[in-house]
Structure formats: C-alpha cells, structure tokens
N, C-alpha and C. Protein backbone atom coordinates (compact mmCIF):
# COMPACT_ATOMS: atom_id res chain seq x y z
N MET A 1 216.80 -44.04 45.07
CA MET A 1 217.73 -43.56 44.06
C MET A 1 217.04 -43.58 42.70
N CYS A 2 217.26 -42.55 41.95
CA CYS A 2 216.64 -42.45 40.63
C CYS A 2 217.24 -43.44 39.65
N CYS A 3 216.42 -43.89 38.73
CA CYS A 3 216.88 -44.84 37.73
C CYS A 3 217.91 -44.24 36.78
N TRP A 4 218.06 -42.90 36.74
CA TRP A 4 219.02 -42.23 35.86
C TRP A 4 220.40 -42.12 36.49
N ALA A 5 220.46 -42.25 37.81
CA ALA A 5 221.72 -42.03 38.51
C ALA A 5 222.79 -42.98 37.99
N GLY A 6 223.93 -42.43 37.64
CA GLY A 6 225.06 -43.23 37.19
C GLY A 6 224.91 -43.81 35.80
N SER A 7 223.89 -43.43 35.08
CA SER A 7 223.67 -44.03 33.76
C SER A 7 224.05 -43.04 32.67
N SER A 8 225.31 -43.07 32.28
CA SER A 8 225.76 -42.16 31.22
C SER A 8 225.14 -42.55 29.88
N ARG A 9 224.86 -43.83 29.69
CA ARG A 9 224.23 -44.28 28.44
C ARG A 9 222.83 -43.68 28.31
N ALA A 10 222.08 -43.69 29.40
CA ALA A 10 220.73 -43.12 29.37
C ALA A 10 220.78 -41.63 29.07
N LEU A 11 221.74 -40.93 29.65
CA LEU A 11 221.87 -39.49 29.38
C LEU A 11 222.25 -39.25 27.92
N ARG A 12 223.11 -40.09 27.36
CA ARG A 12 223.47 -39.94 25.95
C ARG A 12 222.25 -40.17 25.06
N VAL A 13 221.41 -41.14 25.42
CA VAL A 13 220.19 -41.41 24.64
C VAL A 13 219.26 -40.21 24.68
N VAL A 14 219.07 -39.63 25.86
CA VAL A 14 218.20 -38.45 26.00
C VAL A 14 218.78 -37.29 25.19
N ALA A 15 220.08 -37.06 25.29
CA ALA A 15 220.71 -35.97 24.54
C ALA A 15 220.56 -36.18 23.04
N ALA A 16 220.78 -37.40 22.57
CA ALA A 16 220.63 -37.70 21.14
C ALA A 16 219.19 -37.50 20.69
N THR A 17 218.23 -37.90 21.53
CA THR A 17 216.82 -37.73 21.19
C THR A 17 216.46 -36.25 21.07
N LEU A 18 216.94 -35.45 22.02
CA LEU A 18 216.67 -34.01 21.97
C LEU A 18 217.27 -33.37 20.73
N LEU A 19 218.48 -33.78 20.36
CA LEU A 19 219.08 -33.25 19.14
C LEU A 19 218.29 -33.65 17.91
N LEU A 20 217.84 -34.90 17.87
CA LEU A 20 217.05 -35.36 16.72
C LEU A 20 215.73 -34.61 16.61
N LEU A 21 215.18 -34.22 17.76
CA LEU A 21 213.91 -33.48 17.75
C LEU A 21 214.10 -31.99 17.50
N GLY A 22 215.35 -31.57 17.34
CA GLY A 22 215.61 -30.18 16.99
C GLY A 22 215.78 -29.26 18.18
N TRP A 23 216.00 -29.79 19.35
CA TRP A 23 216.19 -28.94 20.51
C TRP A 23 217.57 -28.32 20.44
N SER A 24 217.66 -27.02 20.49
CA SER A 24 218.94 -26.34 20.34
C SER A 24 219.51 -25.88 21.66
N GLY A 25 218.82 -26.13 22.75
CA GLY A 25 219.30 -25.65 24.04
C GLY A 25 218.70 -24.30 24.38
N ALA A 26 218.13 -23.60 23.43
CA ALA A 26 217.52 -22.30 23.68
C ALA A 26 216.07 -22.55 24.09
N ALA A 27 215.85 -22.60 25.39
CA ALA A 27 214.52 -22.93 25.90
C ALA A 27 213.48 -21.91 25.48
N SER A 28 213.93 -20.70 25.11
CA SER A 28 212.96 -19.66 24.78
C SER A 28 212.61 -19.61 23.29
N SER A 29 213.30 -20.38 22.44
CA SER A 29 212.95 -20.31 21.02
C SER A 29 211.51 -20.78 20.86
N LYS A 30 210.78 -20.08 19.99
CA LYS A 30 209.35 -20.30 20.01
C LYS A 30 208.71 -20.06 18.65
N VAL A 31 207.71 -20.87 18.37
CA VAL A 31 206.83 -20.65 17.22
C VAL A 31 205.56 -20.03 17.80
N PHE A 32 205.23 -18.83 17.35
CA PHE A 32 204.08 -18.11 17.88
C PHE A 32 202.80 -18.40 17.11
N LEU A 33 202.91 -18.54 15.78
CA LEU A 33 201.74 -18.75 14.92
C LEU A 33 202.10 -19.70 13.79
N THR A 34 201.12 -20.43 13.32
CA THR A 34 201.30 -21.17 12.08
C THR A 34 201.00 -20.21 10.93
N VAL A 35 201.34 -20.60 9.73
CA VAL A 35 201.04 -19.78 8.55
C VAL A 35 199.53 -19.57 8.44
N ASP A 36 198.75 -20.64 8.62
CA ASP A 36 197.29 -20.52 8.53
C ASP A 36 196.73 -19.58 9.59
N GLU A 37 197.23 -19.67 10.82
CA GLU A 37 196.76 -18.77 11.88
C GLU A 37 197.08 -17.32 11.54
N ALA A 38 198.29 -17.09 11.05
CA ALA A 38 198.70 -15.73 10.69
C ALA A 38 197.84 -15.16 9.56
N LEU A 39 197.56 -16.00 8.56
CA LEU A 39 196.72 -15.54 7.44
C LEU A 39 195.30 -15.25 7.91
N ARG A 40 194.79 -16.04 8.84
CA ARG A 40 193.45 -15.76 9.39
C ARG A 40 193.43 -14.43 10.13
N LEU A 41 194.51 -14.12 10.86
CA LEU A 41 194.60 -12.83 11.55
C LEU A 41 194.66 -11.68 10.54
N ALA A 42 195.43 -11.88 9.49
CA ALA A 42 195.63 -10.81 8.50
C ALA A 42 194.39 -10.53 7.67
N PHE A 43 193.65 -11.60 7.36
CA PHE A 43 192.53 -11.45 6.42
C PHE A 43 191.20 -11.85 7.03
N ALA A 44 191.12 -11.85 8.34
CA ALA A 44 189.87 -12.10 9.08
C ALA A 44 189.10 -13.31 8.57
N GLY A 45 189.81 -14.37 8.26
CA GLY A 45 189.14 -15.60 7.84
C GLY A 45 188.61 -15.59 6.42
N SER A 46 188.88 -14.51 5.67
CA SER A 46 188.42 -14.44 4.27
C SER A 46 189.22 -15.39 3.39
N ARG A 47 188.73 -15.57 2.19
CA ARG A 47 189.41 -16.42 1.23
C ARG A 47 190.76 -15.79 0.85
N VAL A 48 191.81 -16.61 0.90
CA VAL A 48 193.15 -16.16 0.58
C VAL A 48 193.69 -17.03 -0.55
N GLU A 49 194.33 -16.40 -1.52
CA GLU A 49 194.86 -17.13 -2.66
C GLU A 49 196.39 -17.11 -2.61
N ARG A 50 196.98 -18.28 -2.71
CA ARG A 50 198.44 -18.39 -2.74
C ARG A 50 198.92 -18.10 -4.16
N ARG A 51 199.97 -17.27 -4.24
CA ARG A 51 200.51 -16.90 -5.55
C ARG A 51 202.02 -17.10 -5.56
N THR A 52 202.54 -17.26 -6.75
CA THR A 52 203.99 -17.42 -6.91
C THR A 52 204.46 -16.50 -8.01
N ALA A 53 205.52 -15.76 -7.74
CA ALA A 53 206.15 -14.90 -8.75
C ALA A 53 207.52 -15.48 -9.06
N TYR A 54 207.83 -15.57 -10.34
CA TYR A 54 209.14 -16.02 -10.81
C TYR A 54 209.87 -14.79 -11.33
N LEU A 55 210.79 -14.28 -10.54
CA LEU A 55 211.47 -13.05 -10.89
C LEU A 55 212.64 -13.30 -11.83
N THR A 56 212.86 -12.34 -12.71
CA THR A 56 214.04 -12.39 -13.57
C THR A 56 215.25 -11.96 -12.75
N LYS A 57 216.41 -12.18 -13.29
CA LYS A 57 217.65 -11.75 -12.63
C LYS A 57 217.62 -10.23 -12.40
N GLU A 58 217.12 -9.51 -13.38
CA GLU A 58 217.03 -8.05 -13.27
C GLU A 58 216.06 -7.63 -12.16
N GLN A 59 214.95 -8.35 -12.03
CA GLN A 59 213.99 -8.03 -10.97
C GLN A 59 214.58 -8.31 -9.59
N VAL A 60 215.31 -9.40 -9.46
CA VAL A 60 215.97 -9.72 -8.18
C VAL A 60 216.97 -8.62 -7.84
N GLU A 61 217.76 -8.22 -8.82
CA GLU A 61 218.75 -7.16 -8.60
C GLU A 61 218.07 -5.84 -8.23
N LYS A 62 216.95 -5.54 -8.89
CA LYS A 62 216.23 -4.31 -8.59
C LYS A 62 215.68 -4.34 -7.17
N ALA A 63 215.11 -5.45 -6.75
CA ALA A 63 214.58 -5.57 -5.38
C ALA A 63 215.71 -5.41 -4.36
N ALA A 64 216.85 -6.00 -4.64
CA ALA A 64 218.00 -5.88 -3.74
C ALA A 64 218.48 -4.42 -3.67
N ARG A 65 218.52 -3.77 -4.81
CA ARG A 65 218.94 -2.37 -4.87
C ARG A 65 217.96 -1.47 -4.12
N LEU A 66 216.66 -1.67 -4.34
CA LEU A 66 215.64 -0.85 -3.69
C LEU A 66 215.65 -1.02 -2.16
N SER A 67 215.83 -2.26 -1.74
CA SER A 67 215.75 -2.55 -0.30
C SER A 67 217.06 -2.34 0.42
N GLY A 68 218.17 -2.48 -0.31
CA GLY A 68 219.47 -2.45 0.35
C GLY A 68 219.75 -3.74 1.09
N GLU A 69 219.00 -4.78 0.76
CA GLU A 69 219.10 -6.08 1.42
C GLU A 69 219.31 -7.16 0.39
N GLU A 70 219.88 -8.26 0.82
CA GLU A 70 220.05 -9.41 -0.07
C GLU A 70 218.70 -10.04 -0.37
N VAL A 71 218.49 -10.38 -1.63
CA VAL A 71 217.31 -11.13 -2.05
C VAL A 71 217.83 -12.48 -2.50
N ALA A 72 217.52 -13.50 -1.71
CA ALA A 72 218.15 -14.81 -1.88
C ALA A 72 217.54 -15.67 -2.98
N SER A 73 216.33 -15.36 -3.40
CA SER A 73 215.66 -16.25 -4.35
C SER A 73 214.85 -15.47 -5.37
N ALA A 74 214.78 -16.03 -6.57
CA ALA A 74 213.96 -15.45 -7.62
C ALA A 74 212.53 -15.97 -7.55
N LEU A 75 212.30 -16.94 -6.69
CA LEU A 75 210.97 -17.53 -6.49
C LEU A 75 210.35 -16.89 -5.25
N VAL A 76 209.25 -16.20 -5.43
CA VAL A 76 208.59 -15.52 -4.31
C VAL A 76 207.16 -16.03 -4.19
N THR A 77 206.87 -16.61 -3.04
CA THR A 77 205.51 -17.05 -2.76
C THR A 77 204.87 -16.03 -1.82
N TYR A 78 203.65 -15.63 -2.13
CA TYR A 78 202.93 -14.68 -1.30
C TYR A 78 201.45 -15.03 -1.35
N TYR A 79 200.67 -14.36 -0.54
CA TYR A 79 199.24 -14.66 -0.42
C TYR A 79 198.46 -13.37 -0.65
N GLN A 80 197.39 -13.49 -1.44
CA GLN A 80 196.53 -12.33 -1.69
C GLN A 80 195.19 -12.57 -1.03
N GLY A 81 194.79 -11.58 -0.26
CA GLY A 81 193.49 -11.60 0.39
C GLY A 81 192.82 -10.26 0.18
N PRO A 82 191.65 -10.10 0.75
CA PRO A 82 190.95 -8.81 0.60
C PRO A 82 191.77 -7.67 1.20
N GLY A 83 192.12 -6.71 0.38
CA GLY A 83 192.81 -5.52 0.86
C GLY A 83 194.29 -5.68 1.13
N GLY A 84 194.92 -6.74 0.63
CA GLY A 84 196.35 -6.83 0.87
C GLY A 84 197.02 -8.11 0.42
N PHE A 85 198.31 -8.13 0.67
CA PHE A 85 199.18 -9.23 0.26
C PHE A 85 200.06 -9.59 1.45
N ALA A 86 200.18 -10.87 1.75
CA ALA A 86 201.01 -11.33 2.87
C ALA A 86 202.24 -12.03 2.34
N TYR A 87 203.38 -11.63 2.85
CA TYR A 87 204.67 -12.23 2.51
C TYR A 87 205.28 -12.78 3.79
N PHE A 88 205.92 -13.93 3.70
CA PHE A 88 206.62 -14.52 4.84
C PHE A 88 208.11 -14.43 4.57
N ASP A 89 208.84 -13.83 5.49
CA ASP A 89 210.27 -13.63 5.32
C ASP A 89 211.00 -14.31 6.48
N THR A 90 211.86 -15.26 6.15
CA THR A 90 212.69 -15.92 7.16
C THR A 90 214.12 -15.43 6.97
N HIS A 91 214.72 -14.99 8.05
CA HIS A 91 216.06 -14.42 8.00
C HIS A 91 216.77 -14.71 9.32
N ARG A 92 218.07 -14.53 9.32
CA ARG A 92 218.86 -14.75 10.52
C ARG A 92 218.90 -13.47 11.34
N VAL A 93 218.75 -13.62 12.64
CA VAL A 93 218.84 -12.47 13.53
C VAL A 93 220.29 -12.34 14.02
N ARG A 94 220.72 -13.24 14.85
CA ARG A 94 222.11 -13.28 15.31
C ARG A 94 222.75 -14.52 14.71
N THR A 95 222.34 -15.68 15.23
CA THR A 95 222.80 -16.96 14.66
C THR A 95 221.64 -17.86 14.30
N LEU A 96 220.44 -17.48 14.72
CA LEU A 96 219.26 -18.32 14.52
C LEU A 96 218.18 -17.54 13.76
N PRO A 97 217.23 -18.27 13.15
CA PRO A 97 216.24 -17.61 12.30
C PRO A 97 215.03 -17.02 13.03
N GLU A 98 214.45 -16.07 12.36
CA GLU A 98 213.16 -15.47 12.73
C GLU A 98 212.33 -15.48 11.45
N THR A 99 211.03 -15.71 11.60
CA THR A 99 210.12 -15.62 10.46
C THR A 99 209.06 -14.58 10.77
N LEU A 100 208.88 -13.66 9.85
CA LEU A 100 207.86 -12.62 9.98
C LEU A 100 206.84 -12.75 8.86
N MET A 101 205.61 -12.38 9.15
CA MET A 101 204.62 -12.18 8.10
C MET A 101 204.47 -10.67 7.99
N VAL A 102 204.67 -10.16 6.78
CA VAL A 102 204.49 -8.74 6.52
C VAL A 102 203.33 -8.62 5.54
N VAL A 103 202.29 -7.90 5.96
CA VAL A 103 201.12 -7.69 5.11
C VAL A 103 201.25 -6.29 4.50
N VAL A 104 201.11 -6.24 3.18
CA VAL A 104 201.26 -5.00 2.43
C VAL A 104 199.90 -4.66 1.83
N ASP A 105 199.49 -3.38 1.97
CA ASP A 105 198.21 -2.97 1.39
C ASP A 105 198.39 -2.68 -0.10
N PRO A 106 197.29 -2.46 -0.83
CA PRO A 106 197.39 -2.21 -2.28
C PRO A 106 198.22 -0.98 -2.65
N GLN A 107 198.41 -0.05 -1.71
CA GLN A 107 199.21 1.14 -1.98
C GLN A 107 200.70 0.91 -1.70
N GLY A 108 201.08 -0.30 -1.28
CA GLY A 108 202.48 -0.62 -1.03
C GLY A 108 202.97 -0.21 0.35
N GLN A 109 202.04 -0.07 1.29
CA GLN A 109 202.41 0.28 2.66
C GLN A 109 202.19 -0.92 3.57
N VAL A 110 202.99 -0.96 4.64
CA VAL A 110 202.85 -2.05 5.61
C VAL A 110 201.51 -1.91 6.32
N LYS A 111 200.77 -2.98 6.30
CA LYS A 111 199.48 -3.01 6.96
C LYS A 111 199.58 -3.70 8.32
N ARG A 112 200.48 -4.71 8.39
CA ARG A 112 200.57 -5.50 9.61
C ARG A 112 201.86 -6.31 9.60
N ILE A 113 202.41 -6.54 10.78
CA ILE A 113 203.55 -7.46 10.94
C ILE A 113 203.21 -8.42 12.07
N GLU A 114 203.49 -9.69 11.84
CA GLU A 114 203.35 -10.71 12.88
C GLU A 114 204.64 -11.50 12.95
N VAL A 115 205.10 -11.75 14.17
CA VAL A 115 206.25 -12.63 14.36
C VAL A 115 205.70 -14.06 14.36
N ILE A 116 206.13 -14.84 13.40
CA ILE A 116 205.67 -16.22 13.27
C ILE A 116 206.51 -17.13 14.16
N SER A 117 207.82 -16.99 14.05
CA SER A 117 208.71 -17.75 14.93
C SER A 117 209.95 -16.92 15.21
N PHE A 118 210.52 -17.18 16.38
CA PHE A 118 211.72 -16.48 16.82
C PHE A 118 212.58 -17.48 17.56
N ARG A 119 213.68 -17.88 16.97
CA ARG A 119 214.52 -18.94 17.53
C ARG A 119 215.59 -18.43 18.49
N GLU A 120 215.88 -17.14 18.45
CA GLU A 120 216.82 -16.57 19.41
C GLU A 120 216.15 -16.51 20.79
N PRO A 121 216.93 -16.31 21.85
CA PRO A 121 216.31 -16.12 23.16
C PRO A 121 215.33 -14.94 23.13
N GLU A 122 214.21 -15.10 23.79
CA GLU A 122 213.15 -14.07 23.72
C GLU A 122 213.58 -12.71 24.26
N GLU A 123 214.63 -12.67 25.09
CA GLU A 123 215.07 -11.35 25.57
C GLU A 123 215.67 -10.51 24.45
N TYR A 124 215.93 -11.12 23.29
CA TYR A 124 216.41 -10.37 22.13
C TYR A 124 215.28 -9.82 21.27
N MET A 125 214.04 -10.08 21.67
CA MET A 125 212.88 -9.56 20.94
C MET A 125 212.48 -8.20 21.48
N PRO A 126 212.15 -7.26 20.61
CA PRO A 126 211.60 -5.99 21.09
C PRO A 126 210.29 -6.22 21.86
N ARG A 127 210.05 -5.44 22.85
CA ARG A 127 208.86 -5.58 23.69
C ARG A 127 207.75 -4.63 23.23
N GLY A 128 206.56 -4.91 23.75
CA GLY A 128 205.43 -4.01 23.56
C GLY A 128 205.02 -3.84 22.12
N ASN A 129 204.73 -2.63 21.77
CA ASN A 129 204.19 -2.32 20.44
C ASN A 129 205.26 -1.89 19.45
N TRP A 130 206.50 -2.30 19.65
CA TRP A 130 207.57 -1.87 18.78
C TRP A 130 207.25 -2.16 17.31
N TYR A 131 206.69 -3.33 17.00
CA TYR A 131 206.40 -3.71 15.62
C TYR A 131 205.32 -2.82 14.99
N SER A 132 204.48 -2.20 15.79
CA SER A 132 203.40 -1.37 15.25
C SER A 132 203.91 -0.11 14.55
N GLN A 133 205.15 0.30 14.84
CA GLN A 133 205.68 1.51 14.18
C GLN A 133 205.88 1.32 12.67
N PHE A 134 205.83 0.06 12.20
CA PHE A 134 205.96 -0.20 10.77
C PHE A 134 204.64 0.03 10.03
N GLN A 135 203.54 0.00 10.76
CA GLN A 135 202.23 0.14 10.13
C GLN A 135 202.13 1.48 9.39
N GLY A 136 201.71 1.42 8.13
CA GLY A 136 201.57 2.61 7.30
C GLY A 136 202.86 3.04 6.62
N ARG A 137 203.95 2.38 6.92
CA ARG A 137 205.24 2.73 6.31
C ARG A 137 205.34 2.21 4.88
N LYS A 138 206.03 2.97 4.07
CA LYS A 138 206.32 2.55 2.71
C LYS A 138 207.84 2.48 2.56
N LEU A 139 208.28 1.99 1.44
CA LEU A 139 209.72 1.87 1.18
C LEU A 139 210.28 3.24 0.82
N ASP A 140 210.91 3.88 1.80
CA ASP A 140 211.53 5.18 1.58
C ASP A 140 212.70 5.36 2.54
N ARG A 141 213.30 6.53 2.54
CA ARG A 141 214.47 6.82 3.38
C ARG A 141 214.17 6.72 4.86
N ASP A 142 212.93 6.96 5.26
CA ASP A 142 212.58 6.93 6.68
C ASP A 142 212.41 5.52 7.23
N LEU A 143 212.35 4.53 6.36
CA LEU A 143 212.22 3.15 6.81
C LEU A 143 213.62 2.62 7.13
N GLN A 144 214.22 3.26 8.14
CA GLN A 144 215.56 2.91 8.60
C GLN A 144 215.63 3.15 10.10
N ILE A 145 216.52 2.41 10.72
CA ILE A 145 216.75 2.59 12.16
C ILE A 145 217.30 3.99 12.40
N LYS A 146 216.83 4.61 13.44
CA LYS A 146 217.19 5.96 13.87
C LYS A 146 216.66 7.04 12.94
N ARG A 147 215.84 6.67 12.00
CA ARG A 147 215.11 7.65 11.19
C ARG A 147 213.65 7.50 11.61
N GLY A 148 212.90 6.64 10.91
CA GLY A 148 211.52 6.41 11.28
C GLY A 148 211.32 5.20 12.16
N ILE A 149 212.39 4.41 12.36
CA ILE A 149 212.30 3.19 13.16
C ILE A 149 213.16 3.37 14.41
N HIS A 150 212.54 3.21 15.56
CA HIS A 150 213.24 3.39 16.84
C HIS A 150 214.08 2.17 17.19
N PRO A 151 215.33 2.39 17.61
CA PRO A 151 216.15 1.27 18.06
C PRO A 151 215.68 0.76 19.42
N VAL A 152 216.11 -0.44 19.77
CA VAL A 152 215.77 -1.03 21.06
C VAL A 152 217.04 -1.56 21.69
N THR A 153 217.40 -1.05 22.85
CA THR A 153 218.58 -1.53 23.56
C THR A 153 218.38 -2.99 23.93
N GLY A 154 219.36 -3.82 23.61
CA GLY A 154 219.29 -5.24 23.92
C GLY A 154 218.67 -6.07 22.81
N ALA A 155 218.12 -5.41 21.81
CA ALA A 155 217.51 -6.13 20.68
C ALA A 155 217.98 -5.54 19.35
N THR A 156 219.18 -5.00 19.34
CA THR A 156 219.70 -4.31 18.17
C THR A 156 219.70 -5.18 16.92
N LEU A 157 220.14 -6.43 17.06
CA LEU A 157 220.21 -7.30 15.89
C LEU A 157 218.81 -7.66 15.38
N THR A 158 217.86 -7.82 16.27
CA THR A 158 216.49 -8.10 15.86
C THR A 158 215.89 -6.89 15.16
N VAL A 159 216.15 -5.71 15.67
CA VAL A 159 215.67 -4.48 15.04
C VAL A 159 216.23 -4.37 13.63
N ARG A 160 217.53 -4.62 13.48
CA ARG A 160 218.15 -4.57 12.15
C ARG A 160 217.55 -5.61 11.21
N ALA A 161 217.42 -6.84 11.70
CA ALA A 161 216.90 -7.93 10.86
C ALA A 161 215.45 -7.67 10.46
N THR A 162 214.64 -7.18 11.39
CA THR A 162 213.24 -6.91 11.11
C THR A 162 213.11 -5.76 10.10
N THR A 163 213.84 -4.69 10.31
CA THR A 163 213.79 -3.56 9.40
C THR A 163 214.24 -3.99 8.00
N GLY A 164 215.29 -4.78 7.93
CA GLY A 164 215.76 -5.30 6.64
C GLY A 164 214.72 -6.18 5.96
N ALA A 165 214.06 -7.02 6.74
CA ALA A 165 213.03 -7.90 6.18
C ALA A 165 211.87 -7.09 5.62
N VAL A 166 211.45 -6.07 6.35
CA VAL A 166 210.33 -5.23 5.88
C VAL A 166 210.74 -4.49 4.60
N ARG A 167 211.94 -3.97 4.56
CA ARG A 167 212.43 -3.30 3.34
C ARG A 167 212.45 -4.28 2.17
N ARG A 168 212.94 -5.50 2.42
CA ARG A 168 213.01 -6.52 1.35
C ARG A 168 211.61 -6.86 0.84
N VAL A 169 210.67 -7.07 1.76
CA VAL A 169 209.30 -7.42 1.36
C VAL A 169 208.68 -6.29 0.54
N LEU A 170 208.83 -5.06 1.00
CA LEU A 170 208.25 -3.93 0.26
C LEU A 170 208.88 -3.78 -1.12
N ALA A 171 210.19 -4.02 -1.22
CA ALA A 171 210.85 -3.96 -2.52
C ALA A 171 210.38 -5.08 -3.43
N LEU A 172 210.26 -6.29 -2.90
CA LEU A 172 209.76 -7.40 -3.71
C LEU A 172 208.33 -7.13 -4.18
N HIS A 173 207.51 -6.61 -3.28
CA HIS A 173 206.13 -6.29 -3.64
C HIS A 173 206.10 -5.26 -4.77
N GLN A 174 206.93 -4.25 -4.66
CA GLN A 174 206.99 -3.21 -5.69
C GLN A 174 207.42 -3.80 -7.02
N VAL A 175 208.45 -4.62 -7.01
CA VAL A 175 208.95 -5.23 -8.25
C VAL A 175 207.90 -6.16 -8.86
N ILE A 176 207.25 -6.95 -8.03
CA ILE A 176 206.22 -7.87 -8.52
C ILE A 176 205.04 -7.07 -9.09
N SER A 177 204.65 -6.01 -8.39
CA SER A 177 203.52 -5.17 -8.84
C SER A 177 203.81 -4.52 -10.17
N GLN A 178 205.06 -4.17 -10.41
CA GLN A 178 205.45 -3.48 -11.65
C GLN A 178 205.87 -4.45 -12.74
N GLY A 179 205.80 -5.76 -12.45
CA GLY A 179 206.21 -6.76 -13.44
C GLY A 179 205.53 -6.54 -14.76
N SER A 180 206.29 -6.65 -15.83
CA SER A 180 205.73 -6.37 -17.16
C SER A 180 204.81 -7.50 -17.63
N GLU A 181 204.94 -8.69 -17.03
CA GLU A 181 204.09 -9.79 -17.43
C GLU A 181 203.00 -9.98 -16.38
N GLY A 182 201.82 -10.21 -16.83
CA GLY A 182 200.68 -10.34 -15.96
C GLY A 182 200.83 -11.41 -14.89
N ARG A 183 201.62 -12.44 -15.14
CA ARG A 183 201.75 -13.52 -14.16
C ARG A 183 202.46 -13.06 -12.90
N ASN A 184 203.20 -11.96 -12.97
CA ASN A 184 203.91 -11.47 -11.79
C ASN A 184 203.14 -10.40 -11.03
N ARG A 185 202.03 -10.01 -11.52
CA ARG A 185 201.30 -8.91 -10.87
C ARG A 185 200.47 -9.43 -9.71
N PRO A 186 200.62 -8.77 -8.54
CA PRO A 186 199.75 -9.15 -7.41
C PRO A 186 198.32 -8.72 -7.66
C-alpha cells in the first residue's frame, strides 16, 4: 500500500505546495525562452542596449489611438541592437497571460516575433508559421484580422491578442521614434 493512501493531510500539503510554486493546473502552460535567449536570437549575440522611454500622457494617448489598443503604462522598456529594437509585450489571451517579443526594424516594420511564454493551454496557440505573416508588416489598416492577418480556428483569442500586441508595439515604437526629446528616441 502506498504511503499516500488515506492521507488527506499529505494531499493537502502537496496541493498547497503546488499552489505556492505557481502551478495553475494547466499542464501545458509554458515558458519557451528567457529574455536573454530571445535577445540572442533577435540580434545574433551582438551587443544589445536596454533603453527606457518615459512617455507623456499625450504620447500614451497617441499610441493607444494609433494602435486601437490599450496602453497600460507610460514607462516603456525596450532593447536596441544592430538593425532593430526589441519590445516585450505581456497581455491576457483568454484568462491567462502571453508574452511576446516583437522586433521592429529601423523603418518601423516587424522584423521578428517570438513567443516567450504562453500560459493558456497550448491548443489555443496558432500552429506552424502563423507568426511569420507579421514579418515586414507596418502599422496600417492591413494589420488586422481578416485583412492582412489570417484567423485561426480554435485560436481566435490568441490571434486577437497577438495582433493587438503587435499593433501596440508598433504604435509605441512610432511614438518613441517621433519623441520631441532626444531621451525618447530609439
């Protein structure tokens, strides 16, 4: 007989330990890359500089207006490397968060997207090369689902959240690039 049999106290201890360690019951929630690993992929191991932009209320409002998405903070941290800028965007998909790294080239187009973490069940993630359709995209009318972005059956909320995150990043990049003060310029 197993030592766990009939031991409700032991089961409560295990359950409490799992909750303390952050286990949500979603066995598929996953961290795919660390920030450092993602930056190495984006910039091929080159020197990367961390930057911070402090946006004015007007800049936050402009980014929200341009993207059509909520901009939650006036503090934007991003990374500059050779040939681009990396932004990390954490947002809710359904009930749990996803973090993406969106790399923007100097012309304001998406250069690369990496899923850093996805806490929803993995069956809600688009499969294959779905994320590659963002490459070369800029912030315009076509950067929308059913226009330039293909929907995915079974991953509708992820598609919406990802498209919104990319729009938000591109809008923030545009606002930071156009900042009247040199400290906000990428």
